[in-house]
């Protein structure tokens, strides 16, 4: 074979090898045809801590406006997610953390009613959570701030002998689907959650 033809053959061969080497990672990254896609959301152990527990329907709060005892008092988040306050009327609480709600209330009172109001809001009680499945006392329980899955199981009398104690399933209030989570202290429970403890298969 002439040298020029031989050189061309080597170049072509190297090009083919280079193509397969460069495309191999991309091919490996592609899921096999027909394989299921994992789109299940995951409840972050940090997400609840960073975001803070959100207010919702049925929560009872105590509003203190310093120097204004007539405007202070206990109030409840109504079915529409609002709190009816003196002077300013309805203020939306649904989906807000306590700190965010404090800011919203302060803004409303600052709008023509009070000058630089000093406002503090405490939650008297959150809406309950629910636990079902393989626990000794399934049912409705009062929510305690910073509650974890293990705390919830303990309140419900602990696991039954058939329980799968390594995982749990949580459905957030208003969500359609439940999410599988580790049954440990890394996952926080929210007010209104429904926790299900499954049965082990062996």
N, C-alpha and C. Protein backbone atom coordinates (compact mmCIF):
# COMPACT_ATOMS: atom_id res chain seq x y z
N UNK A 1 0.85 -1.19 0.00
CA UNK A 1 0.00 0.00 0.00
C UNK A 1 0.89 1.24 0.00
N UNK A 2 0.61 2.22 -0.88
CA UNK A 2 1.39 3.46 -0.90
C UNK A 2 1.32 4.13 0.47
N UNK A 3 2.44 4.92 0.74
CA UNK A 3 2.51 5.58 2.05
C UNK A 3 1.34 6.53 2.26
N UNK A 4 0.94 7.28 1.23
CA UNK A 4 -0.17 8.24 1.37
C UNK A 4 -1.47 7.53 1.71
N UNK A 5 -1.72 6.41 1.04
CA UNK A 5 -2.96 5.65 1.32
C UNK A 5 -2.93 5.08 2.72
N UNK A 6 -1.73 4.61 3.11
CA UNK A 6 -1.59 4.06 4.48
C UNK A 6 -1.84 5.13 5.53
N UNK A 7 -1.31 6.33 5.28
CA UNK A 7 -1.52 7.42 6.23
C UNK A 7 -2.99 7.79 6.35
N UNK A 8 -3.67 7.81 5.17
CA UNK A 8 -5.10 8.13 5.22
C UNK A 8 -5.88 7.08 6.00
N UNK A 9 -5.50 5.82 5.84
CA UNK A 9 -6.19 4.74 6.55
C UNK A 9 -6.01 4.88 8.06
N UNK A 10 -4.78 5.26 8.47
CA UNK A 10 -4.52 5.43 9.91
C UNK A 10 -5.34 6.58 10.47
N UNK A 11 -5.42 7.70 9.73
CA UNK A 11 -6.20 8.85 10.17
C UNK A 11 -7.66 8.49 10.34
N UNK A 12 -8.21 7.77 9.35
CA UNK A 12 -9.62 7.36 9.42
C UNK A 12 -9.86 6.46 10.63
N UNK A 13 -8.93 5.50 10.83
CA UNK A 13 -9.08 4.58 11.96
C UNK A 13 -9.05 5.32 13.29
N UNK A 14 -8.11 6.26 13.41
CA UNK A 14 -8.03 7.06 14.64
C UNK A 14 -9.28 7.89 14.84
N UNK A 15 -9.84 8.41 13.77
CA UNK A 15 -11.07 9.19 13.87
C UNK A 15 -12.22 8.37 14.36
N UNK A 16 -12.33 7.13 13.89
CA UNK A 16 -13.43 6.25 14.33
C UNK A 16 -13.29 5.93 15.82
N UNK A 17 -12.04 5.60 16.23
CA UNK A 17 -11.81 5.31 17.65
C UNK A 17 -12.13 6.51 18.52
N UNK A 18 -11.70 7.70 18.06
CA UNK A 18 -11.98 8.91 18.81
C UNK A 18 -13.46 9.19 18.96
N UNK A 19 -14.22 8.89 17.89
CA UNK A 19 -15.66 9.11 17.94
C UNK A 19 -16.31 8.26 19.01
N UNK A 20 -15.94 6.95 19.05
CA UNK A 20 -16.57 6.06 20.02
C UNK A 20 -16.14 6.39 21.44
N UNK A 21 -14.88 6.81 21.63
CA UNK A 21 -14.42 7.17 22.97
C UNK A 21 -15.14 8.40 23.47
N UNK A 22 -15.30 9.42 22.60
CA UNK A 22 -15.93 10.67 23.02
C UNK A 22 -17.41 10.52 23.25
N UNK A 23 -18.04 9.60 22.52
CA UNK A 23 -19.50 9.44 22.66
C UNK A 23 -19.88 8.45 23.73
N UNK A 24 -18.91 7.67 24.25
CA UNK A 24 -19.24 6.65 25.24
C UNK A 24 -19.85 7.22 26.50
N UNK A 25 -19.30 8.30 27.13
CA UNK A 25 -19.93 8.84 28.35
C UNK A 25 -21.35 9.31 28.12
N UNK A 26 -21.60 9.94 26.96
CA UNK A 26 -22.95 10.41 26.68
C UNK A 26 -23.90 9.25 26.54
N UNK A 27 -23.42 8.17 25.89
CA UNK A 27 -24.28 7.00 25.71
C UNK A 27 -24.58 6.36 27.05
N UNK A 28 -23.56 6.31 27.94
CA UNK A 28 -23.79 5.72 29.25
C UNK A 28 -24.73 6.56 30.08
N UNK A 29 -24.77 7.87 29.85
CA UNK A 29 -25.61 8.76 30.65
C UNK A 29 -27.07 8.66 30.27
N UNK A 30 -27.37 8.15 29.08
CA UNK A 30 -28.75 8.06 28.64
C UNK A 30 -29.43 6.86 29.27
N UNK A 31 -30.67 7.00 29.78
CA UNK A 31 -31.36 5.87 30.35
C UNK A 31 -31.75 4.88 29.27
N UNK A 32 -31.83 3.62 29.64
CA UNK A 32 -32.23 2.60 28.68
C UNK A 32 -33.65 2.87 28.22
N UNK A 33 -33.91 2.50 26.97
CA UNK A 33 -35.23 2.74 26.40
C UNK A 33 -36.28 2.00 27.19
N UNK A 34 -37.32 2.74 27.60
CA UNK A 34 -38.42 2.12 28.32
C UNK A 34 -38.20 2.04 29.82
N UNK A 35 -37.04 2.49 30.32
CA UNK A 35 -36.81 2.44 31.76
C UNK A 35 -37.61 3.53 32.44
N UNK A 36 -38.16 3.27 33.66
CA UNK A 36 -38.99 4.27 34.34
C UNK A 36 -38.18 5.46 34.77
N UNK A 37 -38.78 6.63 34.74
CA UNK A 37 -38.13 7.86 35.17
C UNK A 37 -38.47 8.10 36.63
N UNK A 38 -37.47 8.46 37.41
CA UNK A 38 -37.69 8.73 38.82
C UNK A 38 -37.99 10.21 39.01
N UNK A 39 -39.28 10.53 39.23
CA UNK A 39 -39.69 11.92 39.42
C UNK A 39 -40.27 12.12 40.81
N UNK A 40 -40.05 11.15 41.71
CA UNK A 40 -40.61 11.24 43.05
C UNK A 40 -39.93 12.34 43.84
N UNK A 41 -40.69 13.29 44.38
CA UNK A 41 -40.06 14.36 45.16
C UNK A 41 -39.50 13.82 46.47
N UNK A 42 -38.50 14.47 46.98
CA UNK A 42 -37.88 14.07 48.23
C UNK A 42 -38.06 15.18 49.25
N UNK A 43 -38.47 14.80 50.46
CA UNK A 43 -38.61 15.78 51.53
C UNK A 43 -37.24 16.01 52.13
N UNK A 44 -36.75 17.21 52.04
CA UNK A 44 -35.42 17.53 52.53
C UNK A 44 -35.43 17.71 54.04
N UNK A 45 -34.44 17.13 54.69
CA UNK A 45 -34.34 17.33 56.14
C UNK A 45 -33.98 18.77 56.46
N UNK A 46 -33.29 19.43 55.56
CA UNK A 46 -32.90 20.82 55.79
C UNK A 46 -33.96 21.81 55.34
N UNK A 47 -34.78 21.38 54.38
CA UNK A 47 -35.75 22.29 53.81
C UNK A 47 -36.70 22.87 54.84
N UNK A 48 -37.16 22.02 55.75
CA UNK A 48 -38.08 22.48 56.77
C UNK A 48 -37.38 23.45 57.71
N UNK A 49 -36.13 23.15 58.08
CA UNK A 49 -35.40 24.01 59.01
C UNK A 49 -35.16 25.39 58.41
N UNK A 50 -34.75 25.43 57.13
CA UNK A 50 -34.42 26.69 56.50
C UNK A 50 -35.66 27.52 56.23
N UNK A 51 -36.71 26.86 55.82
CA UNK A 51 -37.92 27.57 55.45
C UNK A 51 -38.75 27.95 56.67
N UNK A 52 -38.74 27.09 57.66
CA UNK A 52 -39.54 27.34 58.85
C UNK A 52 -40.94 26.75 58.69
N UNK A 53 -41.55 26.37 59.80
CA UNK A 53 -42.89 25.83 59.76
C UNK A 53 -43.88 26.89 59.30
N UNK A 54 -44.72 26.53 58.36
CA UNK A 54 -45.66 27.49 57.78
C UNK A 54 -47.00 27.44 58.49
N UNK A 55 -47.62 28.60 58.60
CA UNK A 55 -48.95 28.70 59.20
C UNK A 55 -49.99 28.14 58.25
N UNK A 56 -51.05 27.62 58.83
CA UNK A 56 -52.12 27.06 58.02
C UNK A 56 -53.45 27.13 58.74
N UNK A 57 -54.49 26.71 58.05
CA UNK A 57 -55.85 26.76 58.58
C UNK A 57 -55.97 26.00 59.90
N UNK A 58 -56.53 26.65 60.89
CA UNK A 58 -56.72 26.02 62.19
C UNK A 58 -55.66 26.37 63.21
N UNK A 59 -54.56 26.98 62.79
CA UNK A 59 -53.53 27.38 63.74
C UNK A 59 -54.03 28.55 64.59
N UNK A 60 -53.68 28.53 65.87
CA UNK A 60 -54.05 29.62 66.78
C UNK A 60 -52.79 30.38 67.18
N UNK A 61 -52.85 31.70 67.06
CA UNK A 61 -51.69 32.53 67.35
C UNK A 61 -52.01 33.56 68.44
N UNK A 62 -50.95 34.07 69.06
CA UNK A 62 -51.07 35.17 70.01
C UNK A 62 -50.31 36.37 69.45
N UNK A 63 -51.04 37.46 69.22
CA UNK A 63 -50.45 38.68 68.69
C UNK A 63 -50.25 39.68 69.82
N UNK A 64 -49.03 40.17 69.96
CA UNK A 64 -48.72 41.21 70.95
C UNK A 64 -48.19 42.43 70.23
N UNK A 65 -48.90 43.55 70.37
CA UNK A 65 -48.43 44.83 69.85
C UNK A 65 -48.08 45.67 71.06
N UNK A 66 -46.80 45.90 71.27
CA UNK A 66 -46.34 46.57 72.48
C UNK A 66 -46.92 47.98 72.58
N UNK A 67 -47.51 48.27 73.76
CA UNK A 67 -48.15 49.56 73.97
C UNK A 67 -49.56 49.64 73.44
N UNK A 68 -50.07 48.53 72.87
CA UNK A 68 -51.42 48.51 72.30
C UNK A 68 -52.17 47.27 72.78
N UNK A 69 -52.53 47.21 74.06
CA UNK A 69 -53.21 46.02 74.58
C UNK A 69 -54.56 45.77 73.93
N UNK A 70 -55.24 46.84 73.50
CA UNK A 70 -56.56 46.66 72.89
C UNK A 70 -56.48 45.99 71.51
N UNK A 71 -55.32 46.08 70.88
CA UNK A 71 -55.14 45.46 69.57
C UNK A 71 -54.50 44.08 69.65
N UNK A 72 -54.00 43.74 70.83
CA UNK A 72 -53.35 42.44 71.02
C UNK A 72 -54.40 41.39 71.38
N UNK A 73 -54.02 40.12 71.24
CA UNK A 73 -54.94 39.06 71.61
C UNK A 73 -54.65 37.76 70.89
N UNK A 74 -55.54 36.81 71.07
CA UNK A 74 -55.41 35.51 70.43
C UNK A 74 -56.33 35.45 69.21
N UNK A 75 -55.80 34.86 68.13
CA UNK A 75 -56.54 34.80 66.88
C UNK A 75 -56.30 33.44 66.21
N UNK A 76 -57.21 33.09 65.30
CA UNK A 76 -57.09 31.81 64.60
C UNK A 76 -57.03 32.05 63.10
N UNK A 77 -56.24 31.21 62.41
CA UNK A 77 -56.21 31.25 60.95
C UNK A 77 -57.48 30.59 60.44
N UNK A 78 -58.29 31.34 59.69
CA UNK A 78 -59.59 30.82 59.26
C UNK A 78 -59.45 29.86 58.08
N UNK A 79 -60.60 29.36 57.62
CA UNK A 79 -60.61 28.37 56.55
C UNK A 79 -60.04 28.86 55.24
N UNK A 80 -60.02 30.17 55.04
CA UNK A 80 -59.46 30.74 53.82
C UNK A 80 -57.99 31.10 53.96
N UNK A 81 -57.44 30.89 55.17
CA UNK A 81 -56.03 31.16 55.38
C UNK A 81 -55.73 32.57 55.86
N UNK A 82 -56.75 33.29 56.35
CA UNK A 82 -56.56 34.67 56.82
C UNK A 82 -56.76 34.76 58.32
N UNK A 83 -56.19 35.82 58.91
CA UNK A 83 -56.44 36.16 60.32
C UNK A 83 -57.13 37.51 60.34
N UNK A 84 -58.26 37.57 61.03
CA UNK A 84 -59.02 38.81 61.14
C UNK A 84 -58.50 39.60 62.34
N UNK A 85 -57.90 40.77 62.07
CA UNK A 85 -57.28 41.57 63.12
C UNK A 85 -58.03 42.89 63.32
N UNK A 86 -57.96 43.46 64.52
CA UNK A 86 -58.60 44.76 64.77
C UNK A 86 -58.00 45.84 63.86
N UNK A 87 -58.81 46.78 63.48
CA UNK A 87 -58.44 47.93 62.65
C UNK A 87 -58.11 47.56 61.21
N UNK A 88 -57.18 46.62 61.01
CA UNK A 88 -56.67 46.37 59.65
C UNK A 88 -57.44 45.30 58.89
N UNK A 89 -58.26 44.53 59.60
CA UNK A 89 -59.04 43.50 58.92
C UNK A 89 -58.23 42.24 58.63
N UNK A 90 -58.50 41.63 57.48
CA UNK A 90 -57.90 40.35 57.15
C UNK A 90 -56.44 40.49 56.70
N UNK A 91 -55.59 39.61 57.23
CA UNK A 91 -54.20 39.52 56.80
C UNK A 91 -53.93 38.06 56.49
N UNK A 92 -53.39 37.80 55.33
CA UNK A 92 -53.16 36.41 54.92
C UNK A 92 -52.03 35.79 55.73
N UNK A 93 -52.29 34.60 56.28
CA UNK A 93 -51.29 33.87 57.06
C UNK A 93 -50.90 32.56 56.40
N UNK A 94 -51.78 32.00 55.60
CA UNK A 94 -51.57 30.69 54.99
C UNK A 94 -50.26 30.66 54.20
N UNK A 95 -49.42 29.68 54.52
CA UNK A 95 -48.17 29.51 53.80
C UNK A 95 -47.03 30.39 54.26
N UNK A 96 -47.27 31.25 55.25
CA UNK A 96 -46.22 32.14 55.75
C UNK A 96 -45.61 31.56 57.03
N UNK A 97 -44.32 31.80 57.21
CA UNK A 97 -43.72 31.48 58.50
C UNK A 97 -44.16 32.55 59.50
N UNK A 98 -43.91 32.30 60.77
CA UNK A 98 -44.28 33.26 61.80
C UNK A 98 -43.58 34.59 61.56
N UNK A 99 -42.29 34.54 61.21
CA UNK A 99 -41.54 35.77 60.97
C UNK A 99 -42.11 36.55 59.78
N UNK A 100 -42.46 35.83 58.71
CA UNK A 100 -43.04 36.50 57.54
C UNK A 100 -44.40 37.11 57.87
N UNK A 101 -45.17 36.40 58.69
CA UNK A 101 -46.48 36.91 59.07
C UNK A 101 -46.34 38.14 59.96
N UNK A 102 -45.36 38.13 60.85
CA UNK A 102 -45.09 39.31 61.67
C UNK A 102 -44.82 40.53 60.79
N UNK A 103 -44.01 40.35 59.75
CA UNK A 103 -43.69 41.45 58.84
C UNK A 103 -44.94 41.95 58.12
N UNK A 104 -45.80 41.01 57.70
CA UNK A 104 -47.02 41.38 56.99
C UNK A 104 -47.97 42.17 57.90
N UNK A 105 -48.08 41.72 59.15
CA UNK A 105 -48.95 42.41 60.11
C UNK A 105 -48.39 43.80 60.42
N UNK A 106 -47.07 43.90 60.61
CA UNK A 106 -46.45 45.19 60.89
C UNK A 106 -46.67 46.15 59.73
N UNK A 107 -46.56 45.64 58.52
CA UNK A 107 -46.77 46.49 57.35
C UNK A 107 -48.20 47.02 57.29
N UNK A 108 -49.17 46.18 57.63
CA UNK A 108 -50.57 46.61 57.60
C UNK A 108 -50.85 47.67 58.66
N UNK A 109 -50.34 47.49 59.87
CA UNK A 109 -50.56 48.46 60.93
C UNK A 109 -49.78 49.75 60.68
N UNK A 110 -48.68 49.66 59.96
CA UNK A 110 -47.88 50.86 59.65
C UNK A 110 -48.53 51.71 58.57
N UNK A 111 -49.48 51.12 57.86
CA UNK A 111 -50.12 51.82 56.75
C UNK A 111 -51.28 52.69 57.26
N UNK A 112 -50.93 53.75 57.97
CA UNK A 112 -51.93 54.72 58.41
C UNK A 112 -52.53 54.48 59.77
N UNK A 113 -52.07 53.47 60.51
CA UNK A 113 -52.67 53.17 61.80
C UNK A 113 -51.70 53.41 62.97
N UNK A 114 -50.50 52.82 62.90
CA UNK A 114 -49.52 52.94 63.97
C UNK A 114 -48.18 53.35 63.38
N UNK A 115 -47.39 54.03 64.20
CA UNK A 115 -46.05 54.45 63.77
C UNK A 115 -45.03 53.47 64.34
N UNK A 116 -44.31 52.81 63.43
CA UNK A 116 -43.28 51.84 63.81
C UNK A 116 -43.76 50.86 64.89
N UNK A 117 -44.82 50.10 64.61
CA UNK A 117 -45.33 49.17 65.62
C UNK A 117 -44.33 48.06 65.92
N UNK A 118 -44.22 47.73 67.20
CA UNK A 118 -43.38 46.61 67.63
C UNK A 118 -44.29 45.41 67.86
N UNK A 119 -44.13 44.40 67.01
CA UNK A 119 -45.09 43.29 66.97
C UNK A 119 -44.39 41.97 67.23
N UNK A 120 -45.03 41.15 68.04
CA UNK A 120 -44.53 39.79 68.29
C UNK A 120 -45.69 38.80 68.13
N UNK A 121 -45.43 37.70 67.44
CA UNK A 121 -46.44 36.68 67.24
C UNK A 121 -45.90 35.34 67.71
N UNK A 122 -46.66 34.67 68.55
CA UNK A 122 -46.35 33.32 69.02
C UNK A 122 -47.46 32.38 68.58
N UNK A 123 -47.09 31.15 68.27
CA UNK A 123 -48.10 30.14 67.93
C UNK A 123 -48.52 29.44 69.20
N UNK A 124 -49.80 29.52 69.53
CA UNK A 124 -50.33 28.83 70.71
C UNK A 124 -50.44 27.35 70.43
N UNK A 125 -51.02 27.01 69.30
CA UNK A 125 -51.03 25.62 68.85
C UNK A 125 -51.19 25.53 67.34
N UNK A 126 -50.45 24.60 66.75
CA UNK A 126 -50.57 24.32 65.33
C UNK A 126 -51.70 23.32 65.10
N UNK A 127 -52.14 23.22 63.85
CA UNK A 127 -53.09 22.19 63.47
C UNK A 127 -52.45 20.82 63.71
N UNK A 128 -53.24 19.78 63.96
CA UNK A 128 -52.66 18.47 64.31
C UNK A 128 -52.05 17.77 63.10
N UNK A 129 -51.30 16.70 63.38
CA UNK A 129 -50.84 15.80 62.34
C UNK A 129 -51.48 14.44 62.58
N UNK A 130 -51.34 13.54 61.62
CA UNK A 130 -51.99 12.23 61.70
C UNK A 130 -50.96 11.15 61.42
N UNK A 131 -51.08 10.04 62.14
CA UNK A 131 -50.19 8.91 61.89
C UNK A 131 -51.02 7.64 61.82
N UNK A 132 -50.78 6.85 60.79
CA UNK A 132 -51.56 5.63 60.56
C UNK A 132 -50.61 4.47 60.25
N UNK A 133 -51.17 3.28 60.17
CA UNK A 133 -50.36 2.12 59.81
C UNK A 133 -49.86 1.37 61.03
N UNK A 134 -48.63 0.88 60.93
CA UNK A 134 -48.09 -0.02 61.94
C UNK A 134 -47.48 0.70 63.15
N UNK A 135 -48.35 1.44 63.85
CA UNK A 135 -48.01 2.00 65.15
C UNK A 135 -49.08 1.54 66.14
N UNK A 136 -48.76 1.59 67.42
CA UNK A 136 -49.67 1.02 68.41
C UNK A 136 -50.92 1.86 68.66
N UNK A 137 -50.79 3.19 68.47
CA UNK A 137 -51.95 4.05 68.69
C UNK A 137 -52.11 5.03 67.53
N UNK A 138 -52.53 4.56 66.37
CA UNK A 138 -52.71 5.47 65.23
C UNK A 138 -53.80 6.48 65.54
N UNK A 139 -53.68 7.66 64.92
CA UNK A 139 -54.71 8.68 65.13
C UNK A 139 -54.19 10.08 64.93
N UNK A 140 -54.91 11.04 65.51
CA UNK A 140 -54.60 12.46 65.40
C UNK A 140 -53.84 12.91 66.65
N UNK A 141 -52.78 13.71 66.42
CA UNK A 141 -51.97 14.17 67.55
C UNK A 141 -51.65 15.65 67.40
N UNK A 142 -51.47 16.30 68.55
CA UNK A 142 -51.09 17.71 68.54
C UNK A 142 -49.66 17.85 68.03
N UNK A 143 -49.44 18.85 67.20
CA UNK A 143 -48.12 19.08 66.64
C UNK A 143 -47.25 19.84 67.62
N UNK A 144 -45.99 19.43 67.70
CA UNK A 144 -45.00 20.11 68.51
C UNK A 144 -43.91 20.62 67.57
N UNK A 145 -43.50 21.86 67.75
CA UNK A 145 -42.52 22.46 66.85
C UNK A 145 -41.24 21.63 66.81
N UNK A 146 -40.66 21.52 65.62
CA UNK A 146 -39.42 20.79 65.39
C UNK A 146 -39.60 19.29 65.55
N UNK A 147 -40.78 18.80 65.28
CA UNK A 147 -41.07 17.37 65.42
C UNK A 147 -40.47 16.58 64.27
N UNK A 148 -39.96 15.38 64.58
CA UNK A 148 -39.41 14.48 63.57
C UNK A 148 -40.30 13.25 63.45
N UNK A 149 -39.99 12.41 62.46
CA UNK A 149 -40.76 11.18 62.27
C UNK A 149 -40.66 10.29 63.51
N UNK A 150 -39.48 10.20 64.10
CA UNK A 150 -39.33 9.36 65.29
C UNK A 150 -40.14 9.89 66.47
N UNK A 151 -40.21 11.21 66.61
CA UNK A 151 -41.05 11.80 67.66
C UNK A 151 -42.51 11.41 67.46
N UNK A 152 -42.94 11.48 66.20
CA UNK A 152 -44.34 11.16 65.88
C UNK A 152 -44.65 9.70 66.21
N UNK A 153 -43.73 8.81 65.86
CA UNK A 153 -43.92 7.38 66.16
C UNK A 153 -43.98 7.16 67.67
N UNK A 154 -43.13 7.84 68.41
CA UNK A 154 -43.13 7.70 69.87
C UNK A 154 -44.46 8.15 70.47
N UNK A 155 -45.00 9.28 69.97
CA UNK A 155 -46.29 9.75 70.46
C UNK A 155 -47.39 8.72 70.20
N UNK A 156 -47.26 8.00 69.10
CA UNK A 156 -48.27 7.00 68.72
C UNK A 156 -48.01 5.65 69.36
N UNK A 157 -47.19 5.60 70.39
CA UNK A 157 -47.00 4.36 71.14
C UNK A 157 -45.94 3.44 70.59
N UNK A 158 -45.16 3.92 69.62
CA UNK A 158 -44.09 3.08 69.06
C UNK A 158 -44.58 2.17 67.95
N UNK A 159 -43.64 1.42 67.40
CA UNK A 159 -43.95 0.51 66.29
C UNK A 159 -44.64 -0.75 66.78
N UNK A 160 -45.45 -1.33 65.90
CA UNK A 160 -45.96 -2.69 66.14
C UNK A 160 -44.85 -3.68 65.78
N UNK A 161 -45.07 -4.93 66.09
CA UNK A 161 -44.08 -5.97 65.78
C UNK A 161 -43.96 -6.21 64.28
N UNK A 162 -44.95 -5.77 63.51
CA UNK A 162 -44.92 -5.99 62.06
C UNK A 162 -44.37 -4.79 61.30
N UNK A 163 -44.03 -3.73 62.00
CA UNK A 163 -43.69 -2.47 61.33
C UNK A 163 -42.34 -2.52 60.63
N UNK A 164 -42.27 -1.82 59.52
CA UNK A 164 -41.00 -1.53 58.86
C UNK A 164 -40.46 -0.25 59.50
N UNK A 165 -39.47 -0.40 60.36
CA UNK A 165 -39.00 0.76 61.13
C UNK A 165 -37.87 1.52 60.46
N UNK A 166 -37.59 1.20 59.20
CA UNK A 166 -36.51 1.89 58.50
C UNK A 166 -37.00 3.00 57.58
N UNK A 167 -38.28 3.01 57.29
CA UNK A 167 -38.81 4.04 56.40
C UNK A 167 -40.25 4.40 56.77
N UNK A 168 -40.70 5.54 56.29
CA UNK A 168 -42.06 6.00 56.53
C UNK A 168 -42.55 6.70 55.26
N UNK A 169 -43.83 6.99 55.23
CA UNK A 169 -44.42 7.68 54.08
C UNK A 169 -45.17 8.91 54.59
N UNK A 170 -44.88 10.05 53.99
CA UNK A 170 -45.50 11.30 54.43
C UNK A 170 -46.27 11.92 53.28
N UNK A 171 -47.50 12.34 53.58
CA UNK A 171 -48.28 13.14 52.63
C UNK A 171 -48.51 14.49 53.26
N UNK A 172 -47.97 15.53 52.61
CA UNK A 172 -48.20 16.88 53.08
C UNK A 172 -49.66 17.26 52.86
N UNK A 173 -50.20 18.09 53.72
CA UNK A 173 -51.58 18.51 53.57
C UNK A 173 -51.77 19.21 52.23
N UNK A 174 -52.75 18.76 51.46
CA UNK A 174 -53.01 19.32 50.15
C UNK A 174 -52.30 18.60 49.02
N UNK A 175 -51.34 17.72 49.33
CA UNK A 175 -50.62 16.98 48.30
C UNK A 175 -51.40 15.74 47.90
N UNK A 176 -51.23 15.29 46.66
CA UNK A 176 -51.93 14.11 46.17
C UNK A 176 -51.19 12.83 46.52
N UNK A 177 -49.86 12.90 46.53
CA UNK A 177 -49.06 11.69 46.71
C UNK A 177 -48.27 11.74 48.00
N UNK A 178 -47.98 10.56 48.53
CA UNK A 178 -47.10 10.46 49.68
C UNK A 178 -45.67 10.23 49.21
N UNK A 179 -44.72 10.59 50.06
CA UNK A 179 -43.30 10.48 49.72
C UNK A 179 -42.63 9.56 50.74
N UNK A 180 -41.81 8.65 50.23
CA UNK A 180 -41.07 7.75 51.11
C UNK A 180 -39.86 8.49 51.70
N UNK A 181 -39.69 8.38 53.00
CA UNK A 181 -38.59 9.06 53.69
C UNK A 181 -37.96 8.10 54.70
N UNK A 182 -36.73 8.36 55.12
CA UNK A 182 -36.13 7.56 56.19
C UNK A 182 -36.89 7.78 57.50
N UNK A 183 -37.08 6.74 58.25
CA UNK A 183 -37.76 6.86 59.54
C UNK A 183 -36.72 7.18 60.61
N UNK A 184 -36.21 8.39 60.57
CA UNK A 184 -35.20 8.79 61.55
C UNK A 184 -35.37 10.26 61.89
N UNK A 185 -34.38 10.82 62.56
CA UNK A 185 -34.49 12.20 63.04
C UNK A 185 -34.11 13.23 61.98
N UNK A 186 -33.78 12.78 60.77
CA UNK A 186 -33.39 13.73 59.73
C UNK A 186 -34.59 14.37 59.04
N UNK A 187 -35.76 13.76 59.16
CA UNK A 187 -36.95 14.26 58.47
C UNK A 187 -37.91 14.87 59.47
N UNK A 188 -38.29 16.11 59.23
CA UNK A 188 -39.21 16.82 60.12
C UNK A 188 -40.65 16.68 59.63
N UNK A 189 -41.53 16.63 60.59
CA UNK A 189 -42.97 16.56 60.32
C UNK A 189 -43.52 17.98 60.32
N UNK A 190 -44.49 18.23 59.44
CA UNK A 190 -45.15 19.52 59.38
C UNK A 190 -46.58 19.39 59.93
N UNK A 191 -47.15 20.47 60.46
CA UNK A 191 -48.56 20.42 60.87
C UNK A 191 -49.43 20.02 59.69
N UNK A 192 -50.40 19.15 59.96
CA UNK A 192 -51.29 18.70 58.89
C UNK A 192 -50.80 17.50 58.12
N UNK A 193 -49.55 17.07 58.37
CA UNK A 193 -49.02 15.89 57.67
C UNK A 193 -49.78 14.63 58.05
N UNK A 194 -49.83 13.69 57.11
CA UNK A 194 -50.27 12.33 57.41
C UNK A 194 -49.08 11.40 57.23
N UNK A 195 -48.70 10.71 58.29
CA UNK A 195 -47.56 9.80 58.27
C UNK A 195 -48.10 8.37 58.25
N UNK A 196 -47.57 7.57 57.36
CA UNK A 196 -47.98 6.16 57.31
C UNK A 196 -46.74 5.27 57.53
N UNK A 197 -46.88 4.36 58.47
CA UNK A 197 -45.83 3.39 58.73
C UNK A 197 -46.26 2.07 58.12
N UNK A 198 -45.45 1.57 57.20
CA UNK A 198 -45.80 0.34 56.49
C UNK A 198 -45.41 -0.91 57.24
N UNK A 199 -45.78 -2.05 56.65
CA UNK A 199 -45.47 -3.35 57.22
C UNK A 199 -44.25 -3.94 56.54
N UNK A 200 -43.38 -4.54 57.31
CA UNK A 200 -42.19 -5.15 56.69
C UNK A 200 -42.59 -6.45 55.99
N UNK A 201 -41.80 -6.84 55.00
CA UNK A 201 -42.13 -8.00 54.18
C UNK A 201 -41.36 -9.24 54.57
N UNK A 202 -40.57 -9.18 55.62
CA UNK A 202 -39.81 -10.38 56.05
C UNK A 202 -39.60 -10.33 57.54
